[in-house]
Protein backbone atom coordinates (compact mmCIF):
# COMPACT_ATOMS: atom_id res chain seq x y z
CA MET A 1 -27.30 -79.82 -56.51
CA SER A 2 -29.69 -79.38 -53.57
CA ILE A 3 -27.14 -80.93 -51.22
CA GLY A 4 -24.48 -78.46 -52.29
CA THR A 5 -26.90 -75.60 -51.95
CA ASN A 6 -27.80 -76.65 -48.41
CA VAL A 7 -24.13 -76.86 -47.41
CA LEU A 8 -23.45 -73.42 -48.73
CA THR A 9 -26.50 -72.05 -46.98
CA ARG A 10 -25.47 -73.57 -43.62
CA ALA A 11 -21.95 -72.27 -44.05
CA TRP A 12 -23.23 -68.84 -44.84
CA ASN A 13 -25.49 -68.87 -41.79
CA GLU A 14 -22.62 -70.03 -39.55
CA LEU A 15 -20.47 -67.23 -40.90
CA ARG A 16 -23.20 -64.70 -40.21
CA GLN A 17 -23.65 -65.98 -36.67
CA PHE A 18 -19.90 -65.89 -36.05
CA THR A 19 -19.71 -62.35 -37.36
CA ALA A 20 -22.62 -61.35 -35.14
CA ARG A 21 -20.92 -62.88 -32.09
CA CYS A 22 -17.72 -61.00 -32.93
CA ASP A 23 -19.64 -57.77 -33.27
CA ALA A 24 -21.35 -58.36 -29.92
CA LEU A 25 -18.04 -59.19 -28.28
CA ARG A 26 -16.47 -56.10 -29.79
CA ARG A 27 -19.35 -53.96 -28.55
CA PHE A 28 -19.13 -55.54 -25.14
CA THR A 29 -15.37 -55.00 -24.97
CA SER A 30 -15.78 -51.46 -26.17
CA ARG A 31 -18.37 -50.65 -23.50
CA ARG A 32 -16.21 -52.07 -20.74
CA ARG A 33 -13.23 -50.10 -21.98
CA VAL A 34 -15.28 -46.95 -22.02
CA ARG A 35 -16.68 -47.63 -18.59
CA LEU A 36 -13.23 -48.44 -17.25
CA ALA A 37 -11.69 -45.32 -18.77
CA GLY A 38 -14.54 -43.20 -17.41
CA ARG A 39 -14.18 -44.71 -13.95
CA VAL A 40 -10.43 -44.19 -13.91
CA THR A 41 -10.90 -40.58 -15.05
CA ALA A 42 -13.53 -40.02 -12.39
CA VAL A 43 -11.30 -41.47 -9.66
CA ILE A 44 -8.38 -39.27 -10.73
CA ALA A 45 -10.56 -36.16 -10.97
CA VAL A 46 -12.18 -36.72 -7.57
CA GLY A 47 -8.80 -37.37 -5.98
CA LEU A 48 -7.18 -34.30 -7.48
CA ILE A 49 -10.09 -31.98 -6.70
CA GLY A 50 -10.37 -33.23 -3.13
CA GLY A 51 -6.61 -33.03 -2.68
CA TRP A 52 -6.50 -29.49 -4.10
CA ILE A 53 -9.20 -28.32 -1.71
CA GLY A 54 -7.39 -29.90 1.21
CA LEU A 55 -4.05 -28.44 0.11
CA LEU A 56 -5.40 -24.89 0.15
CA ALA A 57 -7.45 -25.37 3.31
CA GLY A 58 -4.67 -26.94 5.35
CA GLY A 59 -1.69 -25.14 3.81
CA HIS A 60 -1.11 -22.46 6.40
CA ALA A 61 1.06 -21.91 9.45
CA GLN A 62 1.95 -19.11 11.86
CA THR A 63 5.35 -18.55 13.37
CA ASP A 64 7.48 -15.94 15.12
CA VAL A 65 10.15 -14.46 12.84
CA GLY A 66 12.15 -12.31 15.24
CA PRO A 67 9.76 -9.74 16.73
CA ALA A 68 7.11 -10.30 14.03
CA ASP A 69 4.19 -12.69 13.86
CA VAL A 70 4.02 -14.03 10.29
CA ASP A 71 1.26 -16.07 8.65
CA PHE A 72 2.28 -18.44 5.85
CA ALA A 73 -0.34 -19.79 3.44
CA LEU A 74 -0.67 -21.52 0.08
CA HIS A 75 -2.82 -19.99 -2.65
CA PRO A 76 -3.66 -21.04 -6.21
CA SER A 77 -1.63 -19.29 -8.88
CA MET A 78 -0.88 -19.69 -12.57
CA SER A 79 2.76 -18.66 -12.16
CA GLY A 80 3.75 -19.65 -8.61
CA GLY A 81 6.19 -17.38 -6.76
CA THR A 82 6.25 -15.94 -3.25
CA VAL A 83 4.47 -12.83 -1.98
CA ILE A 84 5.49 -11.11 1.27
CA ASP A 85 2.78 -8.70 2.48
CA ILE A 86 3.80 -5.97 4.95
CA PRO A 87 0.70 -3.86 5.63
CA PRO A 88 0.35 -0.94 5.23
CA LEU A 89 3.65 -0.61 3.35
CA GLY A 90 2.93 -2.89 0.41
CA THR A 91 4.31 -6.18 -0.87
CA LEU A 92 7.47 -7.91 -2.09
CA ARG A 93 7.10 -10.44 -4.89
CA LEU A 94 9.75 -13.08 -5.56
CA ASP A 95 9.95 -15.39 -8.59
CA SER A 96 10.95 -18.23 -6.30
CA HIS A 97 9.34 -21.11 -8.23
CA SER A 98 6.79 -22.05 -10.88
CA GLY A 99 3.67 -24.12 -10.48
CA PRO A 100 0.01 -23.89 -9.55
CA VAL A 101 0.69 -22.88 -5.92
CA ARG A 102 1.89 -19.51 -4.59
CA ILE A 103 3.36 -19.00 -1.11
CA ASP A 104 1.98 -15.99 0.75
CA ALA A 105 3.62 -14.59 3.88
CA GLN A 106 1.88 -11.79 5.78
CA VAL A 107 3.25 -9.85 8.73
CA THR A 108 0.31 -9.70 11.13
CA ARG A 109 1.90 -8.06 14.17
CA ILE A 110 5.12 -6.55 15.46
CA ARG A 111 5.72 -7.24 19.16
CA PRO A 112 6.98 -3.92 20.68
CA ASP A 113 9.10 -5.50 23.43
CA ARG A 114 10.96 -7.76 21.03
CA ALA A 115 11.34 -5.00 18.46
CA LYS A 116 12.83 -2.65 21.06
CA THR A 117 15.33 -5.31 22.10
CA LEU A 118 16.32 -5.85 18.49
CA ILE A 119 16.79 -2.12 17.91
CA ASP A 120 18.66 -1.35 21.14
CA ASP A 121 20.94 -4.40 21.27
CA PRO A 122 23.29 -4.95 18.27
CA ALA A 123 24.02 -8.46 19.52
CA ALA A 124 20.31 -9.28 19.23
CA PHE A 125 20.51 -8.65 15.50
CA ASP A 126 23.38 -11.14 15.20
CA ARG A 127 21.35 -13.72 17.12
CA LEU A 128 18.41 -13.05 14.82
CA SER A 129 20.62 -13.79 11.78
CA ASP A 130 21.48 -17.16 13.32
CA THR A 131 17.91 -18.17 14.16
CA ILE A 132 15.72 -16.60 11.48
CA GLY A 133 16.50 -19.25 8.89
CA GLY A 134 15.39 -21.97 11.29
CA ASP A 135 12.20 -20.07 12.12
CA VAL A 136 11.21 -19.80 8.48
CA ARG A 137 12.23 -23.38 7.74
CA HIS A 138 10.12 -24.62 10.65
CA ALA A 139 7.11 -22.68 9.36
CA PHE A 140 7.51 -24.18 5.89
CA ILE A 141 7.79 -27.71 7.29
CA VAL A 142 4.67 -27.25 9.43
CA MET A 143 2.79 -25.77 6.47
CA ALA A 144 3.87 -28.59 4.15
CA VAL A 145 2.92 -31.33 6.64
CA LYS A 146 -0.48 -29.77 7.33
CA ALA A 147 -1.13 -29.24 3.63
CA THR A 148 -0.20 -32.84 2.76
CA ALA A 149 -2.33 -34.31 5.54
CA ALA A 150 -5.30 -32.12 4.64
CA ALA A 151 -4.94 -32.91 0.91
CA LEU A 152 -4.90 -36.69 1.45
CA GLY A 153 -7.71 -36.51 3.99
CA CYS A 154 -9.96 -34.46 1.72
CA ALA A 155 -9.19 -36.74 -1.24
CA ALA A 156 -10.15 -39.82 0.79
CA LEU A 157 -13.35 -38.17 2.00
CA ALA A 158 -14.24 -37.13 -1.55
CA GLY A 159 -13.65 -40.72 -2.78
CA LEU A 160 -15.89 -42.11 -0.05
CA LEU A 161 -18.70 -39.66 -0.77
CA VAL A 162 -18.62 -40.17 -4.55
CA PHE A 163 -17.85 -43.89 -4.94
CA ARG A 164 -18.99 -45.23 -1.55
CA SER A 165 -16.34 -47.94 -1.59
CA TRP A 166 -12.99 -48.45 0.06
CA ARG A 167 -11.44 -49.07 -3.34
CA GLY A 168 -12.62 -45.64 -4.47
CA VAL A 169 -11.18 -44.11 -1.29
CA LEU A 170 -7.82 -45.79 -1.87
CA TRP A 171 -7.44 -44.78 -5.50
CA SER A 172 -8.64 -41.20 -4.89
CA THR A 173 -6.03 -40.86 -2.15
CA VAL A 174 -3.34 -42.30 -4.45
CA SER A 175 -4.33 -39.78 -7.14
CA ALA A 176 -4.03 -36.88 -4.70
CA PHE A 177 -0.66 -38.15 -3.48
CA ASN A 178 0.64 -38.33 -7.05
CA GLY A 179 -0.60 -34.78 -7.66
CA LEU A 180 1.33 -33.58 -4.62
CA ILE A 181 4.47 -35.26 -5.91
CA VAL A 182 4.08 -33.53 -9.28
CA ILE A 183 3.61 -30.10 -7.61
CA GLY A 184 6.62 -30.71 -5.36
CA LEU A 185 8.83 -31.82 -8.22
CA LEU A 186 7.78 -28.84 -10.36
CA ALA A 187 8.56 -26.41 -7.53
CA SER A 188 11.91 -28.08 -6.85
CA LEU A 189 12.99 -28.14 -10.49
CA THR A 190 12.04 -24.48 -11.04
CA PHE A 191 13.27 -23.17 -7.67
CA ASN A 192 15.24 -19.95 -8.17
CA PRO A 193 17.51 -19.23 -5.17
CA GLU A 194 18.57 -15.89 -6.66
CA SER A 195 15.01 -14.50 -6.62
CA ILE A 196 15.61 -12.92 -3.22
CA ALA A 197 18.14 -10.61 -4.86
CA GLU A 198 15.58 -9.42 -7.43
CA PRO A 199 12.36 -8.62 -5.55
CA ARG A 200 9.53 -6.61 -7.12
CA PHE A 201 8.06 -3.96 -4.83
CA THR A 202 4.53 -2.57 -4.84
CA GLY A 203 2.89 0.01 -2.60
CA ILE A 204 5.00 2.32 -0.47
CA LEU A 205 7.85 -0.17 -0.71
CA ALA A 206 8.10 0.59 -4.42
CA SER A 207 9.38 4.02 -3.41
CA ALA A 208 11.60 2.72 -0.64
CA PRO A 209 13.07 -0.65 -1.64
CA GLN A 210 15.97 0.17 0.61
CA VAL A 211 13.81 -0.89 3.57
CA VAL A 212 15.13 -4.42 2.91
CA GLY A 213 18.68 -3.24 2.43
CA ASP A 214 20.83 -3.62 -0.65
CA ALA A 215 19.40 -6.95 -1.83
CA LYS A 216 21.35 -7.06 -5.09
CA THR A 217 24.71 -7.17 -3.33
CA ILE A 218 24.22 -10.52 -1.65
CA VAL A 219 26.05 -13.54 -2.99
CA SER A 220 24.50 -16.91 -3.69
CA ARG A 221 25.11 -18.66 -0.39
CA ILE A 222 22.88 -19.90 2.42
CA GLY A 223 24.15 -17.50 5.08
CA ALA A 224 23.31 -14.49 2.95
CA TYR A 225 19.62 -15.40 2.88
CA ARG A 226 19.47 -15.48 6.65
CA GLU A 227 21.21 -12.12 6.92
CA GLN A 228 18.96 -10.57 4.28
CA LEU A 229 15.79 -11.79 5.96
CA ALA A 230 17.11 -10.60 9.30
CA ARG A 231 17.76 -7.17 7.80
CA LEU A 232 14.19 -7.02 6.50
CA VAL A 233 12.77 -7.87 9.91
CA GLY A 234 15.13 -5.47 11.66
CA ASN A 235 14.26 -2.49 9.47
CA MET A 236 10.58 -3.35 9.65
CA SER A 237 10.83 -3.34 13.44
CA ARG A 238 12.35 0.14 13.38
CA LEU A 239 9.53 1.21 11.09
CA TYR A 240 6.86 0.18 13.59
CA ASP A 241 8.78 0.99 16.77
CA VAL A 242 7.40 4.47 17.48
CA THR A 243 3.84 3.60 16.50
CA SER A 244 3.75 0.56 18.76
CA THR A 245 4.90 2.38 21.89
CA LEU A 246 2.56 5.39 21.63
CA PRO A 247 -0.98 5.49 23.08
CA THR A 248 -3.39 3.72 20.78
CA TYR A 249 -6.02 5.53 18.77
CA GLU A 250 -8.38 3.22 16.91
CA PRO A 251 -10.32 5.09 14.23
CA ASP A 252 -13.92 3.89 14.07
CA PRO A 253 -16.07 3.70 10.91
CA THR A 254 -17.30 7.26 11.49
CA THR A 255 -13.79 8.73 11.51
CA ILE A 256 -12.93 11.08 8.62
CA ARG A 257 -9.53 10.16 7.23
CA VAL A 258 -7.59 12.90 5.44
CA LEU A 259 -4.23 12.58 3.69
CA HIS A 260 -2.13 15.77 3.76
CA VAL A 261 0.43 16.13 0.98
CA SER A 262 2.44 19.14 -0.14
CA ASP A 263 5.35 20.28 -2.33
CA ILE A 264 5.31 17.32 -4.73
CA HIS A 265 7.44 19.36 -7.19
CA LEU A 266 6.88 17.17 -10.27
CA ASN A 267 8.15 13.98 -8.65
CA PRO A 268 6.17 11.15 -10.33
CA VAL A 269 7.21 8.72 -7.58
CA ALA A 270 4.89 10.60 -5.23
CA TRP A 271 1.75 9.45 -7.06
CA GLY A 272 2.50 5.77 -6.47
CA VAL A 273 3.07 6.38 -2.77
CA ILE A 274 -0.09 8.51 -2.48
CA ARG A 275 -2.24 5.89 -4.22
CA GLN A 276 -0.99 3.17 -1.89
CA VAL A 277 -1.63 5.25 1.25
CA VAL A 278 -5.12 6.19 0.00
CA SER A 279 -5.87 2.48 -0.41
CA GLN A 280 -4.20 1.13 2.73
CA PHE A 281 -5.50 3.82 5.11
CA HIS A 282 -8.98 4.10 3.52
CA ILE A 283 -8.48 7.81 2.87
CA GLN A 284 -11.63 9.85 2.15
CA VAL A 285 -10.06 13.22 1.24
CA VAL A 286 -6.61 14.24 -0.03
CA ILE A 287 -5.47 17.79 0.76
CA ASP A 288 -2.61 19.29 -1.25
CA THR A 289 -1.21 22.57 0.11
CA GLY A 290 0.58 23.56 -3.07
CA ASP A 291 3.73 23.40 -5.20
CA LEU A 292 2.41 20.50 -7.22
CA THR A 293 4.77 21.52 -10.02
CA ASP A 294 8.16 23.18 -10.23
CA HIS A 295 8.23 25.86 -12.91
CA GLY A 296 4.54 26.41 -13.66
CA THR A 297 5.01 25.88 -17.40
CA LYS A 298 2.25 24.68 -19.70
CA THR A 299 4.09 21.43 -20.36
CA GLU A 300 3.66 20.59 -16.67
CA ASP A 301 -0.16 20.64 -16.90
CA LYS A 302 -0.35 16.92 -17.67
CA PHE A 303 1.30 16.12 -14.35
CA ALA A 304 -2.06 16.83 -12.69
CA ASN A 305 -3.76 14.04 -14.66
CA SER A 306 -2.74 11.50 -12.02
CA ILE A 307 -5.12 13.18 -9.57
CA SER A 308 -8.14 11.53 -11.20
CA LYS A 309 -6.68 8.07 -10.55
CA LEU A 310 -7.01 8.53 -6.78
CA LYS A 311 -10.83 8.17 -6.89
CA VAL A 312 -11.29 10.39 -3.81
CA PRO A 313 -11.78 14.18 -3.51
CA TYR A 314 -8.52 16.08 -4.00
CA VAL A 315 -8.48 19.57 -2.45
CA PHE A 316 -5.81 21.87 -3.89
CA ILE A 317 -4.42 25.38 -3.41
CA ARG A 318 -1.67 26.98 -5.47
CA GLY A 319 1.85 27.25 -4.12
CA ASN A 320 4.46 29.75 -5.19
CA HIS A 321 5.63 27.31 -7.93
CA ASP A 322 2.12 26.76 -9.36
CA SER A 323 0.79 28.98 -12.17
CA THR A 324 -2.86 29.60 -13.00
CA ALA A 325 -2.37 27.24 -15.95
CA ILE A 326 -1.46 24.49 -13.49
CA GLU A 327 -4.54 25.38 -11.46
CA LYS A 328 -6.68 24.92 -14.58
CA GLY A 329 -5.05 21.55 -15.15
CA VAL A 330 -6.06 20.51 -11.64
CA ARG A 331 -9.62 21.84 -12.09
CA ARG A 332 -10.06 19.59 -15.13
CA GLN A 333 -9.81 16.52 -12.89
CA LYS A 334 -13.28 15.33 -11.94
CA ASN A 335 -12.38 14.66 -8.30
CA ALA A 336 -10.44 17.93 -7.77
CA VAL A 337 -11.63 20.83 -5.59
CA VAL A 338 -9.55 23.97 -6.16
CA LEU A 339 -9.86 26.70 -3.53
CA ASP A 340 -8.96 30.29 -4.43
CA ASP A 341 -10.04 32.29 -1.35
CA GLN A 342 -13.08 30.03 -1.26
CA ILE A 343 -14.74 27.66 1.17
CA ALA A 344 -16.12 24.21 0.37
CA ASP A 345 -17.64 21.25 2.20
CA VAL A 346 -15.62 18.16 1.26
CA GLY A 347 -15.88 14.72 2.83
CA GLY A 348 -17.78 16.07 5.83
CA LEU A 349 -15.31 18.90 6.57
CA ARG A 350 -15.62 22.63 5.82
CA ILE A 351 -12.36 23.79 4.24
CA PHE A 352 -11.18 27.30 3.33
CA GLY A 353 -8.18 27.68 1.05
CA THR A 354 -6.12 30.69 0.05
CA PRO A 355 -3.47 30.42 -2.72
CA ASP A 356 0.06 31.68 -2.37
CA PRO A 357 0.11 35.30 -3.65
CA ARG A 358 3.51 34.80 -5.30
CA PHE A 359 4.60 32.99 -8.43
CA THR A 360 8.34 32.38 -8.19
CA PRO A 361 9.42 29.51 -10.44
CA ASP A 362 12.97 30.88 -10.32
CA LYS A 363 13.05 30.01 -6.59
CA THR A 364 13.56 33.64 -5.49
CA THR A 365 11.88 32.85 -2.14
CA ARG A 366 14.95 30.97 -0.93
CA GLY A 367 16.52 32.74 2.01
CA ASP A 368 14.34 35.84 1.49
CA GLN A 369 14.07 37.32 4.98
CA VAL A 370 11.49 39.92 3.90
CA ASN A 371 9.04 37.20 2.92
CA ALA A 372 7.93 36.18 6.40
CA GLN A 373 6.45 39.54 7.44
CA GLU A 374 4.94 40.13 4.01
CA MET A 375 3.27 36.71 3.99
CA LEU A 376 1.80 37.40 7.41
CA GLY A 377 0.30 40.57 5.96
CA TYR A 378 -1.16 38.66 3.01
CA GLY A 379 -2.65 36.23 5.49
CA ARG A 380 -4.42 39.01 7.37
CA ILE A 381 -5.98 40.18 4.10
CA ALA A 382 -7.13 36.60 3.41
CA VAL A 383 -8.66 36.46 6.90
CA GLN A 384 -10.90 39.39 5.97
CA ARG A 385 -12.00 37.50 2.85
CA LEU A 386 -12.88 34.54 5.05
CA LYS A 387 -14.89 36.74 7.41
CA TYR A 388 -16.79 38.15 4.43
CA LEU A 389 -17.97 34.60 3.61
CA GLY A 390 -19.58 34.39 7.06
CA LYS A 391 -18.69 30.74 7.70
CA ASN A 392 -16.41 29.12 10.25
CA PRO A 393 -14.12 26.54 8.59
CA ASP A 394 -12.88 23.35 10.19
CA ILE A 395 -9.60 23.66 8.27
CA VAL A 396 -7.74 26.53 6.61
CA LEU A 397 -5.21 25.87 3.85
CA ALA A 398 -2.33 28.25 3.15
CA HIS A 399 0.82 27.20 1.32
CA ASP A 400 3.23 29.36 3.33
CA PRO A 401 2.91 28.87 7.12
CA ASN A 402 3.75 32.54 7.67
CA GLU A 403 0.59 33.42 5.80
CA GLY A 404 -1.32 30.61 7.47
CA GLN A 405 -0.62 31.67 11.05
CA ALA A 406 -2.67 34.83 10.47
CA PHE A 407 -5.74 32.57 10.75
CA ASP A 408 -5.02 31.84 14.41
CA GLY A 409 -8.33 32.00 16.25
CA THR A 410 -10.54 31.53 13.16
CA THR A 411 -10.24 27.74 12.85
CA PRO A 412 -9.05 24.74 14.87
CA LEU A 413 -6.49 23.69 12.22
CA ILE A 414 -4.25 25.40 9.66
CA MET A 415 -2.49 23.18 7.08
CA SER A 416 0.58 24.46 5.22
CA GLY A 417 3.72 23.32 3.41
CA HIS A 418 6.44 25.30 1.60
CA THR A 419 9.29 24.76 4.07
CA HIS A 420 9.97 21.10 3.13
CA GLN A 421 10.28 20.40 6.85
CA ARG A 422 7.41 18.85 8.76
CA SER A 423 6.44 20.40 12.08
CA THR A 424 3.39 21.36 14.14
CA ARG A 425 2.63 23.67 17.04
CA LEU A 426 -0.25 25.34 18.84
CA LEU A 427 -0.69 29.05 18.18
CA PRO A 428 -1.66 31.48 21.00
CA SER A 429 -5.42 31.31 20.31
CA GLY A 430 -5.52 27.51 20.35
CA THR A 431 -5.28 26.88 16.60
CA ARG A 432 -2.91 24.11 15.53
CA LEU A 433 -0.51 24.99 12.71
CA PHE A 434 0.33 21.81 10.79
CA ILE A 435 3.27 22.16 8.36
CA GLN A 436 3.83 19.28 5.96
CA GLY A 437 7.19 18.23 4.53
CA SER A 438 7.74 17.55 0.84
CA THR A 439 5.72 14.62 -0.52
CA GLY A 440 7.91 14.74 -3.62
CA GLY A 441 11.19 14.76 -1.73
CA ALA A 442 11.55 18.41 -2.85
CA GLY A 443 11.86 17.25 -6.46
CA MET A 444 15.28 17.54 -8.06
CA ARG A 445 16.40 20.15 -5.55
CA GLY A 446 16.05 17.50 -2.88
CA LEU A 447 19.27 15.94 -4.22
CA GLU A 448 21.32 19.10 -3.73
CA HIS A 449 22.06 18.34 -0.08
CA GLU A 450 24.31 15.75 1.49
CA GLN A 451 21.20 14.12 2.91
CA PRO A 452 18.41 13.99 0.25
CA THR A 453 15.04 15.34 1.32
CA PRO A 454 12.72 12.53 2.51
CA ILE A 455 9.23 11.88 1.14
CA GLU A 456 6.71 12.92 3.79
CA MET A 457 2.93 12.90 4.17
CA SER A 458 0.46 12.56 7.04
CA VAL A 459 -2.85 10.78 7.65
CA LEU A 460 -5.11 12.92 9.84
CA TYR A 461 -8.09 11.51 11.75
CA PHE A 462 -11.14 13.73 12.40
CA ASN A 463 -14.19 13.10 14.55
CA ARG A 464 -17.19 13.17 12.23
CA ALA A 465 -19.49 14.73 14.84
CA THR A 466 -17.22 17.53 16.08
CA HIS A 467 -14.97 17.85 12.99
CA ARG A 468 -12.00 18.15 15.33
CA LEU A 469 -8.61 16.54 14.80
CA GLN A 470 -8.08 13.48 17.02
CA GLY A 471 -4.61 12.36 15.95
CA TRP A 472 -2.37 11.75 12.96
CA ASP A 473 0.11 9.30 11.48
CA ASP A 474 3.28 10.83 10.00
CA ILE A 475 4.75 8.78 7.15
CA ARG A 476 8.38 9.37 6.22
CA LEU A 477 10.35 7.54 3.53
CA GLY A 478 14.08 8.05 3.13
CA GLY A 479 15.11 9.91 0.00
CA LEU A 480 17.50 8.59 -2.62
CA GLY A 481 20.42 6.89 -0.95
CA LEU A 482 18.79 6.60 2.49
CA THR A 483 17.65 3.42 4.19
CA SER A 484 14.98 4.75 6.55
CA ALA A 485 11.21 4.46 6.72
CA GLN A 486 9.01 5.55 9.60
CA ILE A 487 5.35 5.68 10.55
CA GLU A 488 4.86 7.72 13.71
CA ARG A 489 1.52 8.23 15.46
CA THR A 490 0.68 11.34 17.50
CA LEU A 491 -2.51 11.94 19.47
CA GLU A 492 -4.07 15.39 19.80
CA PRO A 493 -3.77 16.06 23.57
CA LYS A 494 -6.88 18.27 23.76
CA PRO A 495 -8.97 17.71 20.63
CA ASP A 496 -11.93 19.74 21.92
CA ARG A 497 -9.94 22.71 23.25
CA PRO A 498 -11.61 26.13 22.83
CA ILE A 499 -10.46 28.41 20.00
CA MET A 500 -10.28 32.00 21.26
CA PRO A 501 -10.38 34.77 18.63
CA SER A 502 -8.44 37.93 19.45
CA PRO A 503 -10.44 40.90 20.86
CA ALA A 504 -9.83 42.89 17.67
CA GLN A 505 -11.50 40.11 15.63
CA THR A 506 -8.37 40.06 13.47
CA PRO A 507 -5.91 37.39 14.54
CA SER A 508 -2.43 38.62 15.17
CA GLY A 509 0.69 36.62 14.67
CA THR A 510 4.43 36.64 14.70
CA PRO A 511 6.16 35.50 11.52
CA LEU A 512 8.05 32.25 11.75
CA THR A 513 11.10 34.18 10.50
CA PRO A 514 10.82 37.65 12.16
CA THR A 515 11.80 40.66 10.03
CA PRO A 516 11.25 44.42 10.33
CA ALA A 517 9.58 44.70 6.95
CA SER A 518 5.91 45.68 6.72
CA PRO A 519 3.33 43.87 4.59
CA SER A 520 2.63 45.03 1.09
CA PRO A 521 -0.72 44.74 -0.70
CA ARG A 522 -1.63 41.33 -2.04
CA PRO A 523 -0.73 41.18 -5.76
CA SER A 524 -3.49 40.37 -8.20
CA GLN A 525 -3.34 37.10 -10.12
CA ALA A 526 -3.11 39.05 -13.37
CA SER A 527 0.13 40.72 -12.26
CA ARG A 528 1.92 37.50 -11.46
CA PRO A 529 4.71 36.57 -13.85
CA ARG A 530 4.17 33.42 -15.94
C-alpha cells in the first residue's frame, strides 16, 4: 500500500514539474513574441516616420515653364490632388490622384523678356506647346528622385539614432522604401487624366476661369495636355505683361492700401473677387462709390450683408440706383462707413463723401445730356457743405464724375464711378479725378452689348505720412464670354504736386459732357422717388 502511494506521489510531482516547465516555456515564448512584435512595430514606425519627414523635406523642385518660374513641392493631404497657385489671382485645384500626398505648384515669377517674346511671336507659342510637357515632366522626375533619396536617407538616420545598430538602419530603410511603393501605387491606380478638364477655381480665377481657356473642350490625349498647359502659361504671361514692364513701386509696411470698387449692380460674383483682392493685396480700406444695387427695392437690402465678411472698413456713398433703404442696409454692417455729405477718418485717410442726388432705378440717366451740367451744379453745392465742415479731405467721393469734378482744388483725389468705364485725369487745379469701371460687370445690363462689360477694380497705394496717392494697380477681368484678364500698374508722376484752389474759393469745372443747361437746386432725400 505504501509502495503504491509513493509511486502515485512521485508521478504526481513529476506531472506538476512538467506542467510548471510548460508554463515557463509558454511564458518565455510569449514574452519573446511580444518583444519581437514590438521591435518589428518600432522598426516599421521609425522607418515610416523618418521616410515621411524626408519625403516632405526633399520633395520639391524648381523649373522654367515657358516664361514662368514654377516651384513644385509635396505636401501632406488626406485626399491627394494637385494645387496650382497663381498669386495674386488664386488657385486651380485638380483631382489628379488620391493618397496622403498633394502636389503643389506655385508660379513664383514671370520673366518679362520671355513673356514678351511669347506674346509677340505666334511661333513661340507653338514651340512652347512642344516643350512645356517635357519641362513639367523633368520637374516631376527631379522632385520624385529628391523625395525618394531624402525619404530613404531620413529613414536610415532615424533607424541609426533609435536602434544604434546597422540592422535597425537596414530594416528602417526597407520600411520607408515599402511605404514609398505603396504611395506610388496608390497614386498610379487612382490617377485621373481627365482632371485637367474639370479644374476648381478659387480667388479671382473663380470669376475668370477662361484665363486657362476652354478646358472642358479638350479630348483625352497627351497632346491636348501640353496645349492646355501652354495656353495657361500664355494667358498668364499676358496678364503680367504690363505690370512687369512698368517702373516698380514696392509698397512698404507703412503704405495705406485702398481698394476702389463701384457699380456692383447686384452681381454676387463681385463679392468673391473683392474678398480675394482684399486678402491677396492686404487691403486696409474698401471704398465703394455707389450703385451697389440695381433697383433700390427693399428685397435688395440683404445684398449688403456680404460687406461684413470683408473684415475691413467699407466706405460707401449712394449712387443713383441706391435708395435710402439700401443705405440703411449698408449702415447695419459693423465695418461699414456711410458718408452722406459727411467726413470721416478711416484707415489713416480723411474721406468726404457726397451721395448722388438722384434716384433713378428706371435708368433714366442713360443718354441724358442735361445731366452733366446739372450734376456739376450739385457738386458745387456739395463743395459748400464741405467748406462748412472746415476740414481738408485727402479723398472726396462722388458717384457721378460730373458732380465730382466740382471739388477740383479742394482735395488731391476725387473718386467716382457711374460711367462703367475706367479712366483718370488731372483737373486744372491739380486734383486727380479717378473714375472706376463697374466691379459688377454692369450687372445684367452688361450683357446687352456685343462685348460684355468687364469686371474692374483698382488697388490704390497711399503714403501714410503725406496721405498722397503714390500709384495704383488696375485689375480687369473679362466679362461673360471673354478670355482676358489684366493687372496694370501705374505710378503717380508727381505725388506731392501742389493743389491750387481757384481765386473765388469755389472750384469751377467743365462737365464731362458739355450742355447748355443750368444747374437746378439739389433735391432733398425726402423728394426722391422710391
